[in-house]
C-alpha atoms as a PDB file:
ATOM      1  CA  MET A   1     -64.995  19.486   0.563  1.00  0.00           C
ATOM      2  CA  THR A   2     -66.787  22.705   1.071  1.00  0.00           C
ATOM      3  CA  PRO A   3     -65.494  26.440   2.690  1.00  0.00           C
ATOM      4  CA  LYS A   4     -68.042  25.082   5.830  1.00  0.00           C
ATOM      5  CA  THR A   5     -65.896  21.843   6.572  1.00  0.00           C
ATOM      6  CA  THR A   6     -62.408  22.823   4.836  1.00  0.00           C
ATOM      7  CA  GLY A   7     -62.080  26.145   7.079  1.00  0.00           C
ATOM      8  CA  ASN A   8     -60.703  26.750   3.400  1.00  0.00           C
ATOM      9  CA  GLU A   9     -61.740  28.951   0.587  1.00  0.00           C
ATOM     10  CA  ILE A  10     -60.710  27.223  -2.900  1.00  0.00           C
ATOM     11  CA  ILE A  11     -60.999  29.663  -6.077  1.00  0.00           C
ATOM     12  CA  ILE A  12     -60.150  27.773  -9.488  1.00  0.00           C
ATOM     13  CA  GLU A  13     -59.659  29.890 -12.673  1.00  0.00           C
ATOM     14  CA  PHE A  14     -59.612  29.375 -15.834  1.00  0.00           C
ATOM     15  CA  SER A  15     -57.920  31.262 -18.855  1.00  0.00           C
ATOM     16  CA  LEU A  16     -57.251  29.633 -22.396  1.00  0.00           C
ATOM     17  CA  ASN A  17     -55.025  27.042 -21.291  1.00  0.00           C
ATOM     18  CA  THR A  18     -54.308  26.767 -17.688  1.00  0.00           C
ATOM     19  CA  CYS A  19     -55.990  25.906 -14.537  1.00  0.00           C
ATOM     20  CA  LYS A  20     -54.959  28.094 -11.013  1.00  0.00           C
ATOM     21  CA  LYS A  21     -56.230  27.175  -7.819  1.00  0.00           C
ATOM     22  CA  TYR A  22     -56.192  29.840  -5.091  1.00  0.00           C
ATOM     23  CA  VAL A  23     -56.829  28.311  -1.727  1.00  0.00           C
ATOM     24  CA  ASN A  24     -57.014  31.809   0.902  1.00  0.00           C
ATOM     25  CA  GLY A  25     -55.798  34.288  -2.494  1.00  0.00           C
ATOM     26  CA  ILE A  26     -52.663  31.887  -1.539  1.00  0.00           C
ATOM     27  CA  LEU A  27     -51.767  30.038  -5.776  1.00  0.00           C
ATOM     28  CA  ASP A  28     -51.934  26.596  -4.381  1.00  0.00           C
ATOM     29  CA  ASN A  29     -51.315  25.032  -8.205  1.00  0.00           C
ATOM     30  CA  GLU A  30     -51.533  25.464 -11.509  1.00  0.00           C
ATOM     31  CA  ILE A  31     -51.715  23.173 -14.359  1.00  0.00           C
ATOM     32  CA  THR A  32     -52.022  22.666 -18.119  1.00  0.00           C
ATOM     33  CA  TYR A  33     -55.032  21.348 -19.971  1.00  0.00           C
ATOM     34  CA  LYS A  34     -56.521  21.458 -22.657  1.00  0.00           C
ATOM     35  CA  ILE A  35     -60.451  20.840 -23.541  1.00  0.00           C
ATOM     36  CA  GLU A  36     -61.637  18.181 -26.812  1.00  0.00           C
ATOM     37  CA  MET A  37     -64.627  16.141 -27.597  1.00  0.00           C
ATOM     38  CA  GLY A  38     -64.014  12.845 -26.709  1.00  0.00           C
ATOM     39  CA  ASN A  39     -65.718   9.830 -25.690  1.00  0.00           C
ATOM     40  CA  SER A  40     -67.146   9.781 -21.847  1.00  0.00           C
ATOM     41  CA  ILE A  41     -67.438   6.964 -20.011  1.00  0.00           C
ATOM     42  CA  ILE A  42     -69.393   8.360 -17.269  1.00  0.00           C
ATOM     43  CA  LYS A  43     -72.043   9.608 -19.513  1.00  0.00           C
ATOM     44  CA  ASN A  44     -71.534   7.073 -22.121  1.00  0.00           C
ATOM     45  CA  GLU A  45     -71.367   9.263 -25.410  1.00  0.00           C
ATOM     46  CA  GLU A  46     -69.421  12.054 -26.689  1.00  0.00           C
ATOM     47  CA  THR A  47     -68.606  15.319 -24.475  1.00  0.00           C
ATOM     48  CA  ASP A  48     -66.496  17.680 -23.983  1.00  0.00           C
ATOM     49  CA  ILE A  49     -63.483  16.142 -22.375  1.00  0.00           C
ATOM     50  CA  ILE A  50     -60.600  18.928 -20.066  1.00  0.00           C
ATOM     51  CA  THR A  51     -57.203  16.656 -20.028  1.00  0.00           C
ATOM     52  CA  LEU A  52     -54.613  17.735 -17.602  1.00  0.00           C
ATOM     53  CA  GLU A  53     -51.563  18.187 -18.835  1.00  0.00           C
ATOM     54  CA  ASN A  54     -51.265  14.482 -16.453  1.00  0.00           C
ATOM     55  CA  GLU A  55     -52.948  12.519 -18.996  1.00  0.00           C
ATOM     56  CA  TRP A  56     -56.028  12.968 -15.807  1.00  0.00           C
ATOM     57  CA  ARG A  57     -59.892  13.244 -18.055  1.00  0.00           C
ATOM     58  CA  GLN A  58     -62.965  14.481 -16.805  1.00  0.00           C
ATOM     59  CA  SER A  59     -66.125  15.300 -19.028  1.00  0.00           C
ATOM     60  CA  ILE A  60     -67.591  18.864 -18.084  1.00  0.00           C
ATOM     61  CA  GLU A  61     -70.991  19.837 -17.830  1.00  0.00           C
ATOM     62  CA  LEU A  62     -72.117  23.879 -17.589  1.00  0.00           C
ATOM     63  CA  ASN A  63     -74.903  24.920 -16.374  1.00  0.00           C
ATOM     64  CA  GLY A  64     -75.969  28.227 -15.837  1.00  0.00           C
ATOM     65  CA  ASN A  65     -73.460  28.798 -13.153  1.00  0.00           C
ATOM     66  CA  LYS A  66     -72.804  25.971 -11.932  1.00  0.00           C
ATOM     67  CA  LEU A  67     -70.159  23.422 -13.235  1.00  0.00           C
ATOM     68  CA  THR A  68     -69.344  20.518 -13.134  1.00  0.00           C
ATOM     69  CA  LEU A  69     -66.138  17.903 -13.426  1.00  0.00           C
ATOM     70  CA  TYR A  70     -67.028  14.147 -13.656  1.00  0.00           C
ATOM     71  CA  ASP A  71     -63.428  12.438 -13.520  1.00  0.00           C
ATOM     72  CA  GLU A  72     -63.271   9.178 -16.271  1.00  0.00           C
ATOM     73  CA  CYS A  73     -62.596   6.422 -14.099  1.00  0.00           C
ATOM     74  CA  TYR A  74     -65.021   4.039 -13.094  1.00  0.00           C
ATOM     75  CA  ASP A  75     -66.173   4.114  -8.999  1.00  0.00           C
ATOM     76  CA  CYS A  76     -64.105   8.260  -8.872  1.00  0.00           C
ATOM     77  CA  PHE A  77     -65.397  11.344  -8.055  1.00  0.00           C
ATOM     78  CA  GLN A  78     -67.736  14.511  -9.161  1.00  0.00           C
ATOM     79  CA  ASN A  79     -66.861  18.261  -8.812  1.00  0.00           C
ATOM     80  CA  GLU A  80     -69.402  21.066  -8.327  1.00  0.00           C
END
């Protein structure tokens, strides 16, 4: 999904332990999280893992200004 295909601008804002999602400038969702090292089933190694308050886990990859989050489950999604 992109702004071109959905017609929405989505901005994700991270602070120390909170993630906020804005859709077209309006706060749509706010959730707490923690980041720690953990075993990744996607990368098959220890890496940075973000765990959301609902216990959903994603491994993190940051290259320059591109953030990629990999869902830590088989046959799931990646978000860029």
